[in-house]
Protein backbone atom coordinates (compact mmCIF):
# COMPACT_ATOMS: atom_id res chain seq x y z
CA MET A 1 25.02 -18.66 -42.05
CA CYS A 2 23.60 -15.25 -42.39
CA GLY A 3 21.05 -16.19 -39.73
CA VAL A 4 23.72 -16.80 -37.07
CA SER A 5 25.26 -13.42 -37.78
CA ASP A 6 21.87 -11.72 -37.55
CA LEU A 7 21.09 -13.51 -34.27
CA ARG A 8 24.42 -12.45 -32.76
CA ALA A 9 23.76 -8.86 -33.76
CA TYR A 10 20.25 -9.04 -32.27
CA LEU A 11 21.51 -10.50 -28.97
CA LYS A 12 24.22 -7.84 -28.76
CA SER A 13 21.55 -5.19 -29.20
CA LEU A 14 19.61 -6.36 -26.11
CA ASP A 15 20.19 -4.70 -22.77
CA ALA A 16 21.54 -6.85 -19.94
CA GLU A 17 18.20 -7.19 -18.15
CA THR A 18 16.36 -8.53 -21.21
CA LEU A 19 19.19 -10.90 -22.04
CA ALA A 20 19.30 -12.16 -18.45
CA GLY A 21 15.58 -12.79 -18.54
CA LEU A 22 15.81 -14.79 -21.76
CA LEU A 23 18.67 -16.88 -20.38
CA LEU A 24 16.84 -17.54 -17.11
CA GLU A 25 13.75 -18.65 -18.98
CA GLN A 26 15.70 -21.02 -21.23
CA ALA A 27 17.68 -22.37 -18.26
CA GLY A 28 14.38 -23.31 -16.64
CA ARG A 29 13.65 -25.59 -19.61
CA ASP A 30 17.19 -26.87 -20.19
CA PRO A 31 18.84 -28.53 -17.12
CA GLU A 32 22.20 -28.81 -18.90
CA LEU A 33 22.26 -25.10 -19.70
CA ARG A 34 21.29 -24.33 -16.13
CA ARG A 35 24.16 -26.45 -14.74
CA SER A 36 26.56 -24.79 -17.12
CA LEU A 37 25.47 -21.33 -16.05
CA GLU A 38 25.62 -22.29 -12.37
CA ASP A 39 29.14 -23.68 -12.85
CA ARG A 40 30.21 -20.38 -14.37
CA ALA A 41 28.57 -18.50 -11.49
CA GLY A 42 30.00 -20.87 -8.88
CA THR A 43 26.55 -21.81 -7.54
CA SER A 44 26.18 -25.43 -8.69
CA GLU A 45 26.71 -26.81 -5.15
CA ARG A 46 23.96 -24.69 -3.62
CA GLU A 47 20.75 -26.06 -2.18
CA PRO A 48 17.61 -26.93 -4.04
CA GLU A 49 17.15 -24.53 -6.89
CA PRO A 50 14.54 -21.85 -6.44
CA SER A 51 11.89 -21.17 -9.05
CA THR A 52 13.27 -19.23 -11.98
CA ILE A 53 9.90 -17.62 -12.62
CA GLY A 54 10.27 -14.89 -9.98
CA PRO A 55 13.51 -13.45 -11.40
CA VAL A 56 12.06 -13.47 -14.91
CA LEU A 57 8.98 -11.59 -13.74
CA ASP A 58 11.18 -9.15 -11.81
CA THR A 59 13.15 -8.51 -14.98
CA VAL A 60 10.01 -7.92 -17.05
CA GLN A 61 8.61 -5.56 -14.42
CA ARG A 62 11.85 -3.56 -14.18
CA LEU A 63 11.91 -3.17 -17.95
CA LEU A 64 8.30 -2.03 -18.09
CA ASP A 65 8.75 0.34 -15.17
CA SER A 66 11.78 1.88 -16.84
CA GLY A 67 9.86 2.50 -20.07
CA THR A 68 12.16 0.33 -22.15
CA ARG A 69 11.78 0.42 -25.91
CA ALA A 70 12.48 -3.32 -26.08
CA ASP A 71 9.48 -5.54 -26.82
CA VAL A 72 9.17 -7.64 -23.66
CA ALA A 73 5.73 -9.01 -24.54
CA PRO A 74 7.07 -12.29 -25.99
CA LEU A 75 9.04 -13.02 -22.81
CA ALA A 76 6.06 -12.15 -20.59
CA ARG A 77 3.76 -14.29 -22.69
CA ARG A 78 6.07 -17.30 -22.66
CA THR A 79 6.29 -16.98 -18.89
CA VAL A 80 2.49 -17.09 -18.60
CA GLU A 81 2.41 -20.16 -20.82
CA ARG A 82 5.15 -21.85 -18.81
CA ILE A 83 3.36 -21.29 -15.50
CA SER A 84 0.09 -22.49 -17.04
CA ARG A 85 1.75 -25.57 -18.52
CA ASP A 86 3.48 -26.49 -15.26
CA GLU A 87 0.39 -25.58 -13.21
CA GLY A 88 2.59 -23.32 -11.14
CA ASP A 89 1.87 -20.82 -8.41
CA GLY A 90 -1.43 -18.94 -8.81
CA ALA A 91 -0.01 -15.67 -7.53
CA GLU A 92 2.86 -15.83 -10.03
CA LEU A 93 0.38 -16.57 -12.81
CA ARG A 94 -1.76 -13.54 -11.95
CA ARG A 95 1.37 -11.38 -11.79
CA ALA A 96 2.61 -12.71 -15.11
CA LEU A 97 -0.76 -12.00 -16.76
CA GLY A 98 -0.72 -8.46 -15.40
CA LEU A 99 2.78 -7.85 -16.73
CA TYR A 100 1.89 -9.31 -20.12
CA ALA A 101 -1.13 -6.99 -20.25
CA ARG A 102 1.16 -4.00 -19.60
CA ALA A 103 3.56 -5.19 -22.29
CA CYS A 104 0.68 -5.56 -24.76
CA VAL A 105 -0.46 -2.01 -24.08
CA ALA A 106 3.10 -0.77 -24.70
CA ARG A 107 3.48 -2.85 -27.89
CA PRO A 108 -0.01 -3.94 -29.07
CA PRO A 109 0.02 -7.33 -30.82
CA ASP A 110 -2.49 -8.45 -33.43
CA PRO A 111 -5.83 -7.99 -31.60
CA VAL A 112 -7.51 -11.09 -33.04
CA GLU A 113 -4.53 -13.30 -32.21
CA LEU A 114 -4.41 -11.83 -28.69
CA ALA A 115 -8.11 -12.54 -28.23
CA ASP A 116 -7.63 -16.14 -29.36
CA TRP A 117 -4.71 -16.55 -26.95
CA LEU A 118 -6.65 -15.11 -24.02
CA ALA A 119 -9.54 -17.44 -24.73
CA GLY A 120 -7.16 -20.39 -24.71
CA ILE A 121 -5.60 -19.30 -21.40
CA ALA A 122 -9.00 -18.69 -19.82
CA PHE A 123 -10.70 -21.89 -20.91
CA ASP A 124 -7.83 -24.39 -20.93
CA GLY A 125 -5.21 -25.48 -18.39
CA PRO A 126 -5.45 -24.10 -14.84
CA ARG A 127 -8.07 -21.51 -15.95
CA PRO A 128 -6.71 -18.43 -14.19
CA GLU A 129 -8.84 -15.40 -13.40
CA VAL A 130 -8.09 -13.20 -16.40
CA ASP A 131 -8.74 -9.48 -15.87
CA LEU A 132 -9.92 -8.42 -19.33
CA ALA A 133 -9.93 -4.73 -18.36
CA GLU A 134 -6.12 -4.88 -18.28
CA PHE A 135 -6.09 -6.07 -21.90
CA ALA A 136 -8.94 -3.88 -23.19
CA ALA A 137 -6.71 -1.17 -24.68
CA ALA A 138 -4.56 -3.71 -26.52
CA LEU A 139 -7.57 -5.69 -27.74
CA GLY A 140 -9.48 -2.70 -29.09
CA GLU A 141 -12.89 -3.16 -30.65
CA THR A 142 -11.66 -5.84 -33.05
CA GLY A 143 -10.07 -7.98 -30.37
CA LEU A 144 -12.99 -7.55 -27.97
CA ALA A 145 -15.42 -8.64 -30.69
CA GLN A 146 -13.31 -11.75 -31.37
CA LEU A 147 -13.13 -12.56 -27.66
CA ARG A 148 -16.88 -12.02 -27.32
CA SER A 149 -17.46 -14.66 -30.00
CA HIS A 150 -15.33 -17.16 -28.03
CA VAL A 151 -17.23 -16.38 -24.85
CA ASP A 152 -20.65 -16.66 -26.50
CA ARG A 153 -19.80 -20.13 -27.80
CA ALA A 154 -18.39 -21.21 -24.44
CA ARG A 155 -21.54 -20.10 -22.60
CA ARG A 156 -23.35 -22.92 -24.38
CA ASP A 157 -20.79 -25.48 -23.19
CA PRO A 158 -21.61 -26.88 -19.70
CA VAL A 159 -17.90 -27.51 -19.03
CA ARG A 160 -16.86 -23.96 -19.84
CA GLU A 161 -20.05 -22.14 -18.86
CA ALA A 162 -18.91 -20.88 -15.43
CA VAL A 163 -15.71 -19.31 -16.78
CA ALA A 164 -17.59 -17.93 -19.79
CA GLU A 165 -20.14 -16.21 -17.56
CA ARG A 166 -17.38 -14.46 -15.61
CA LEU A 167 -15.75 -13.27 -18.83
CA HIS A 168 -19.13 -12.21 -20.23
CA GLU A 169 -19.66 -10.04 -17.14
CA GLN A 170 -16.26 -8.41 -17.67
CA LEU A 171 -16.99 -7.76 -21.35
CA VAL A 172 -20.30 -6.11 -20.50
CA GLU A 173 -18.55 -3.92 -17.92
CA ILE A 174 -15.82 -2.94 -20.41
CA SER A 175 -18.49 -1.99 -22.95
CA GLY A 176 -19.96 0.54 -20.52
CA ASP A 177 -23.41 -1.08 -20.55
CA VAL A 178 -24.42 -0.14 -16.99
CA ASP A 179 -27.95 -1.52 -17.19
CA GLY A 180 -26.66 -4.77 -18.68
CA LEU A 181 -24.09 -5.16 -15.90
CA VAL A 182 -26.66 -4.38 -13.20
CA ALA A 183 -28.94 -7.04 -14.71
CA ILE A 184 -26.13 -9.62 -14.56
CA LEU A 185 -25.24 -8.73 -10.97
CA SER A 186 -28.90 -8.79 -9.94
CA ARG A 187 -29.01 -12.47 -10.81
CA GLN A 188 -26.29 -13.02 -8.19
CA LEU A 189 -28.35 -11.58 -5.33
CA PRO A 190 -28.78 -11.78 -2.38
CA ARG A 191 -24.97 -12.02 -2.14
CA LEU A 192 -23.61 -8.92 -0.39
CA GLU A 193 -20.75 -8.69 -2.89
CA ALA A 194 -23.27 -8.39 -5.73
CA SER A 195 -25.17 -5.62 -3.90
CA LEU A 196 -21.95 -3.70 -3.28
CA ARG A 197 -20.91 -3.97 -6.91
CA ILE A 198 -24.30 -2.77 -8.16
CA VAL A 199 -24.09 0.27 -5.89
CA ARG A 200 -20.55 1.06 -7.02
CA VAL A 201 -21.33 0.53 -10.70
CA LEU A 202 -24.26 2.96 -10.48
CA ARG A 203 -22.13 5.45 -8.58
CA ALA A 204 -19.29 5.26 -11.12
CA ALA A 205 -21.82 5.93 -13.87
CA GLY A 206 -22.90 9.12 -12.10
CA ARG A 207 -26.29 7.65 -11.20
CA THR A 208 -25.91 8.57 -7.54
CA GLY A 209 -29.62 8.81 -6.75
CA GLU A 210 -30.24 5.30 -8.07
CA ALA A 211 -27.22 4.01 -6.16
CA ILE A 212 -28.52 5.48 -2.90
CA THR A 213 -32.01 4.07 -3.44
CA TYR A 214 -30.66 0.63 -4.27
CA ALA A 215 -28.19 0.61 -1.38
CA ALA A 216 -30.82 1.71 1.13
CA ARG A 217 -33.17 -1.03 -0.06
CA ALA A 218 -30.44 -3.66 0.15
CA LEU A 219 -29.48 -2.44 3.62
CA LYS A 220 -33.03 -2.97 4.86
CA GLN A 221 -32.74 -6.60 3.80
CA ASP A 222 -29.38 -6.97 5.55
CA PRO A 223 -29.04 -4.36 8.35
CA ALA A 224 -25.78 -5.97 9.52
CA ALA A 225 -24.03 -5.19 6.22
CA THR A 226 -21.74 -2.47 7.59
CA GLU A 227 -19.80 -2.11 4.33
CA LEU A 228 -23.06 -1.40 2.52
CA ALA A 229 -24.04 1.11 5.21
CA ASP A 230 -20.70 2.87 4.70
CA ASP A 231 -21.41 3.02 0.98
CA VAL A 232 -24.83 4.56 1.57
CA LEU A 233 -23.35 7.27 3.80
CA SER A 234 -20.52 7.94 1.36
CA LEU A 235 -23.00 8.28 -1.52
CA GLN A 236 -25.25 10.60 0.47
CA ARG A 237 -22.29 12.77 1.43
CA ALA A 238 -21.03 12.95 -2.16
CA GLN A 239 -24.49 13.84 -3.42
CA PHE A 240 -24.90 16.60 -0.82
CA GLU A 241 -21.45 18.05 -1.53
CA ARG A 242 -22.28 18.16 -5.23
CA GLU A 243 -25.75 19.66 -4.67
CA PRO A 244 -26.20 21.03 -1.12
CA THR A 245 -30.00 21.20 -1.32
CA PRO A 246 -32.36 20.70 1.63
CA GLU A 247 -33.52 17.40 0.11
CA HIS A 248 -29.98 16.03 -0.08
CA ALA A 249 -29.27 17.38 3.40
CA ASP A 250 -32.30 15.38 4.62
CA GLU A 251 -30.92 12.16 3.16
CA LEU A 252 -27.48 12.76 4.66
CA ILE A 253 -28.98 13.59 8.05
CA GLY A 254 -30.83 10.26 7.97
CA GLY A 255 -27.64 8.40 7.11
CA LEU A 256 -25.63 10.11 9.82
CA VAL A 257 -28.28 9.46 12.45
CA ALA A 258 -28.43 5.80 11.42
CA ALA A 259 -24.66 5.69 11.90
CA GLY A 260 -24.98 7.21 15.37
CA ARG A 261 -23.40 10.51 14.33
CA CYS A 262 -26.13 12.86 15.55
CA ASP A 263 -23.83 15.78 16.33
CA GLU A 264 -22.60 15.82 12.75
CA ALA A 265 -26.18 15.51 11.51
CA ALA A 266 -27.22 18.48 13.66
CA GLU A 267 -24.75 20.69 11.82
CA LEU A 268 -26.76 20.17 8.65
CA LEU A 269 -29.86 21.78 10.17
CA ASP A 270 -28.33 25.08 9.13
CA VAL A 271 -29.06 24.16 5.49
CA HIS A 272 -32.78 24.11 6.31
CA ARG A 273 -32.61 27.28 8.40
CA ARG A 274 -31.00 29.14 5.49
CA HIS A 275 -33.65 27.71 3.17
CA VAL A 276 -36.42 29.10 5.40
CA ASP A 277 -34.73 32.52 5.40
CA GLU A 278 -34.45 32.49 1.60
CA LEU A 279 -38.13 31.66 1.18
CA ILE A 280 -39.21 34.39 3.58
CA GLY A 281 -36.93 36.85 1.80
CA ARG A 282 -38.92 36.41 -1.43
CA LYS A 283 -41.91 38.10 0.24
CA SER A 284 -44.76 36.42 -1.58
CA VAL A 285 -47.74 34.53 -0.21
CA GLU A 286 -46.68 31.31 -1.90
CA HIS A 287 -43.15 31.59 -0.56
CA TYR A 288 -44.47 32.26 2.93
CA ARG A 289 -46.53 29.09 2.61
CA GLU A 290 -43.44 27.15 1.49
CA ALA A 291 -41.46 28.59 4.39
CA ALA A 292 -44.12 27.35 6.82
CA ARG A 293 -43.92 23.84 5.33
CA ALA A 294 -40.12 23.98 5.56
CA LEU A 295 -40.44 24.97 9.23
CA ARG A 296 -42.64 21.97 9.92
CA ARG A 297 -40.04 19.72 8.28
CA LEU A 298 -37.30 21.43 10.28
CA ARG A 299 -39.19 20.76 13.51
CA THR A 300 -39.16 17.04 12.65
CA LEU A 301 -35.44 17.14 11.90
CA TYR A 302 -34.69 18.75 15.25
CA ARG A 303 -36.35 15.71 16.84
CA THR A 304 -34.50 13.33 14.51
CA VAL A 305 -31.08 14.58 15.62
CA GLY A 306 -32.10 14.71 19.29
CA ARG A 307 -32.22 18.51 19.52
CA GLN A 308 -36.00 19.01 19.86
CA ALA A 309 -35.56 21.41 22.79
CA GLU A 310 -33.69 23.82 20.52
CA PHE A 311 -36.53 24.28 18.03
CA ALA A 312 -38.69 26.53 20.24
CA PRO A 313 -35.93 29.15 20.83
CA TYR A 314 -35.12 29.13 17.10
CA LEU A 315 -38.79 29.64 16.19
CA ALA A 316 -39.20 32.40 18.79
CA GLU A 317 -36.27 34.32 17.32
CA LEU A 318 -37.62 33.85 13.78
CA VAL A 319 -41.09 35.09 14.71
CA ALA A 320 -39.63 38.07 16.59
CA THR A 321 -37.60 39.03 13.53
CA HIS A 322 -40.59 38.81 11.17
CA ARG A 323 -43.45 39.74 13.54
CA ARG A 324 -44.72 42.46 11.18
CA LYS A 325 -45.23 39.94 8.34
CA ALA A 326 -48.81 39.07 9.24
CA ARG A 327 -49.29 36.71 6.31
CA LEU A 328 -46.14 34.72 7.22
CA ILE A 329 -47.35 34.37 10.81
CA ALA A 330 -50.75 33.21 9.54
CA GLU A 331 -49.14 30.58 7.29
CA ILE A 332 -47.03 29.29 10.22
CA ARG A 333 -50.25 28.91 12.25
CA ASN A 334 -51.94 27.16 9.31
CA ALA A 335 -49.02 24.70 9.22
CA ARG A 336 -49.99 23.74 12.80
CA ILE A 337 -46.80 25.01 14.32
CA ALA A 338 -47.34 26.37 17.82
CA LEU A 339 -46.20 29.95 17.98
CA PRO A 340 -44.30 31.12 21.06
CA LYS A 341 -46.32 33.01 23.63
CA GLU A 342 -45.63 36.71 23.80
């Protein structure tokens, strides 16, 4: 008797959206209740009933978006289970899982129990693509360890192995083990998707140089991979913007030329011209020698960007400016750079 009173008080405490969601969910399981509700709403003569899942998910999403203090995780979880049980729409299942993940982050359940439930959803029924990253905060170290034990056992089961390998990859990524994730993805080569992910994983870890090297090597194997080429150029640009050195300018110039953007590449020649000026300004024999080597490299870059005719006027102006620095002029000659005729 006391239980009925407590239940009434609980139901009265719910906001209208939560209560509507609960009723819609129950009506989906109970045809008599559904007919009764439709009679009250005056809709019982309408055409074939639409799925009740969409409205429930809409309700859960509105509650989460509004920052409700109500615990909507049980409703979201039951919706996932219902779709899984009925082998419903895949898009609705993915949406329901995403909403349940958000609800779990707002009101974390027992991490071990959540891990057990996720394993059941992933390995049984329609086997949806579970995004473990969405649940990582709610799982915590304890839940992730429990889930890892499920995955390790399933990897030895031929029936569950494929799903287990996908979950294992996600767990490695969540752990932050970059080398481990790259090793897993390397086994999926030569798929372009695997190459792209390796490049992006390395980039996200701040290992830009490695990402560029890997992407350039993969691009040689598949020159038609335009998305990979875009990644290479993006990486080179980011690296140059972070450290605008002549070496990084060289790499970006190569990427831009490969992309047919020679005019943009030509603008970067100024990085090398400033570098030559800085070396000369240090006024030592060794720096003069370095400046001569930089000039030889610059001459090559002028050809690379299709501006070879502009190198001679640049060199003539440089020599005219520093004509009294006999040792610099000698080092330029030693670098086998033809000096302009006086």
